[in-house]
C-alpha atoms as a PDB file:
ATOM      1  CA  UNK A   1       8.197  40.385  25.808  1.00  0.00           C
ATOM      2  CA  UNK A   2       8.660  37.102  24.037  1.00  0.00           C
ATOM      3  CA  UNK A   3       9.490  36.710  20.350  1.00  0.00           C
ATOM      4  CA  UNK A   4       5.945  35.703  19.381  1.00  0.00           C
ATOM      5  CA  UNK A   5       4.550  38.883  20.927  1.00  0.00           C
ATOM      6  CA  UNK A   6       7.091  40.998  19.087  1.00  0.00           C
ATOM      7  CA  UNK A   7       6.219  39.254  15.833  1.00  0.00           C
ATOM      8  CA  UNK A   8       2.500  39.920  16.308  1.00  0.00           C
ATOM      9  CA  UNK A   9       3.129  43.585  17.074  1.00  0.00           C
ATOM     10  CA  UNK A  10       5.464  43.881  14.084  1.00  0.00           C
ATOM     11  CA  UNK A  11       2.741  42.430  11.886  1.00  0.00           C
ATOM     12  CA  UNK A  12       0.079  45.008  12.756  1.00  0.00           C
ATOM     13  CA  UNK A  13       1.604  48.174  14.252  1.00  0.00           C
ATOM     14  CA  UNK A  14       3.586  49.468  11.209  1.00  0.00           C
ATOM     15  CA  UNK A  15       0.579  49.108   8.892  1.00  0.00           C
ATOM     16  CA  UNK A  16      -1.629  50.919  11.389  1.00  0.00           C
ATOM     17  CA  UNK A  17       0.986  53.655  11.763  1.00  0.00           C
ATOM     18  CA  UNK A  18       1.072  54.226   8.010  1.00  0.00           C
ATOM     19  CA  UNK A  19      -2.723  54.431   7.905  1.00  0.00           C
ATOM     20  CA  UNK A  20      -2.822  56.807  10.871  1.00  0.00           C
ATOM     21  CA  UNK A  21      -0.123  59.078   9.495  1.00  0.00           C
ATOM     22  CA  UNK A  22      -1.823  59.079   6.094  1.00  0.00           C
ATOM     23  CA  UNK A  23      -5.005  60.348   7.689  1.00  0.00           C
ATOM     24  CA  UNK A  24      -3.072  63.049   9.552  1.00  0.00           C
ATOM     25  CA  UNK A  25      -0.758  64.256   6.772  1.00  0.00           C
ATOM     26  CA  UNK A  26      -2.940  63.464   3.717  1.00  0.00           C
ATOM     27  CA  UNK A  27       0.175  62.143   1.988  1.00  0.00           C
ATOM     28  CA  UNK A  28       1.015  58.449   1.956  1.00  0.00           C
ATOM     29  CA  UNK A  29       4.705  59.032   1.149  1.00  0.00           C
ATOM     30  CA  UNK A  30       5.184  61.278   4.177  1.00  0.00           C
ATOM     31  CA  UNK A  31       3.280  58.740   6.266  1.00  0.00           C
ATOM     32  CA  UNK A  32       5.567  55.948   5.086  1.00  0.00           C
ATOM     33  CA  UNK A  33       8.655  58.033   5.871  1.00  0.00           C
ATOM     34  CA  UNK A  34       7.369  58.810   9.375  1.00  0.00           C
ATOM     35  CA  UNK A  35       6.609  55.155  10.066  1.00  0.00           C
ATOM     36  CA  UNK A  36      10.060  54.114   8.818  1.00  0.00           C
ATOM     37  CA  UNK A  37      11.625  56.759  11.055  1.00  0.00           C
ATOM     38  CA  UNK A  38       9.787  55.386  14.091  1.00  0.00           C
ATOM     39  CA  UNK A  39      10.844  51.838  13.285  1.00  0.00           C
ATOM     40  CA  UNK A  40      14.439  52.967  12.737  1.00  0.00           C
ATOM     41  CA  UNK A  41      14.391  54.646  16.148  1.00  0.00           C
ATOM     42  CA  UNK A  42      13.150  51.445  17.785  1.00  0.00           C
ATOM     43  CA  UNK A  43      15.852  49.441  15.995  1.00  0.00           C
ATOM     44  CA  UNK A  44      18.483  51.908  17.169  1.00  0.00           C
ATOM     45  CA  UNK A  45      17.162  51.658  20.737  1.00  0.00           C
ATOM     46  CA  UNK A  46      17.469  47.869  20.571  1.00  0.00           C
ATOM     47  CA  UNK A  47      13.831  46.789  20.774  1.00  0.00           C
ATOM     48  CA  UNK A  48      13.985  44.496  17.737  1.00  0.00           C
ATOM     49  CA  UNK A  49      16.312  41.672  18.622  1.00  0.00           C
ATOM     50  CA  UNK A  50      15.545  38.811  16.163  1.00  0.00           C
ATOM     51  CA  UNK A  51      16.215  39.643  12.539  1.00  0.00           C
ATOM     52  CA  UNK A  52      12.885  38.171  11.390  1.00  0.00           C
ATOM     53  CA  UNK A  53      11.233  41.224  12.957  1.00  0.00           C
ATOM     54  CA  UNK A  54      12.805  43.411  10.241  1.00  0.00           C
ATOM     55  CA  UNK A  55      11.212  41.294   7.522  1.00  0.00           C
ATOM     56  CA  UNK A  56       7.826  41.376   9.218  1.00  0.00           C
ATOM     57  CA  UNK A  57       8.095  45.160   9.690  1.00  0.00           C
ATOM     58  CA  UNK A  58       8.885  45.635   6.005  1.00  0.00           C
ATOM     59  CA  UNK A  59       5.957  43.440   4.991  1.00  0.00           C
ATOM     60  CA  UNK A  60       3.622  45.336   7.300  1.00  0.00           C
ATOM     61  CA  UNK A  61       4.830  48.700   5.981  1.00  0.00           C
ATOM     62  CA  UNK A  62       4.159  47.502   2.442  1.00  0.00           C
ATOM     63  CA  UNK A  63       0.651  46.364   3.341  1.00  0.00           C
ATOM     64  CA  UNK A  64      -0.026  49.650   5.139  1.00  0.00           C
ATOM     65  CA  UNK A  65       1.193  51.656   2.145  1.00  0.00           C
ATOM     66  CA  UNK A  66      -1.010  49.590  -0.178  1.00  0.00           C
ATOM     67  CA  UNK A  67      -4.036  50.053   2.078  1.00  0.00           C
ATOM     68  CA  UNK A  68      -3.384  53.796   2.302  1.00  0.00           C
ATOM     69  CA  UNK A  69      -3.321  54.046  -1.473  1.00  0.00           C
ATOM     70  CA  UNK A  70      -6.605  52.123  -1.693  1.00  0.00           C
ATOM     71  CA  UNK A  71      -8.308  54.241   0.978  1.00  0.00           C
ATOM     72  CA  UNK A  72      -7.187  57.516  -0.545  1.00  0.00           C
ATOM     73  CA  UNK A  73      -9.039  56.969  -3.831  1.00  0.00           C
END
């Protein structure tokens, strides 16, 4: 996969993971921890080669956490 494809996936997938895990666990902190664990596993496996992907993942996790807090109320 090219870098642009990885950037697009990094923009949407972590936020969706946080929202999904929030709906499953009913706790946004546990959902954030699970999403971070999945991203850490993909980093360890070597799927995130450019370092800009880390920044995009962090931004997407933040947006997902914010959306989960808004949806929970």
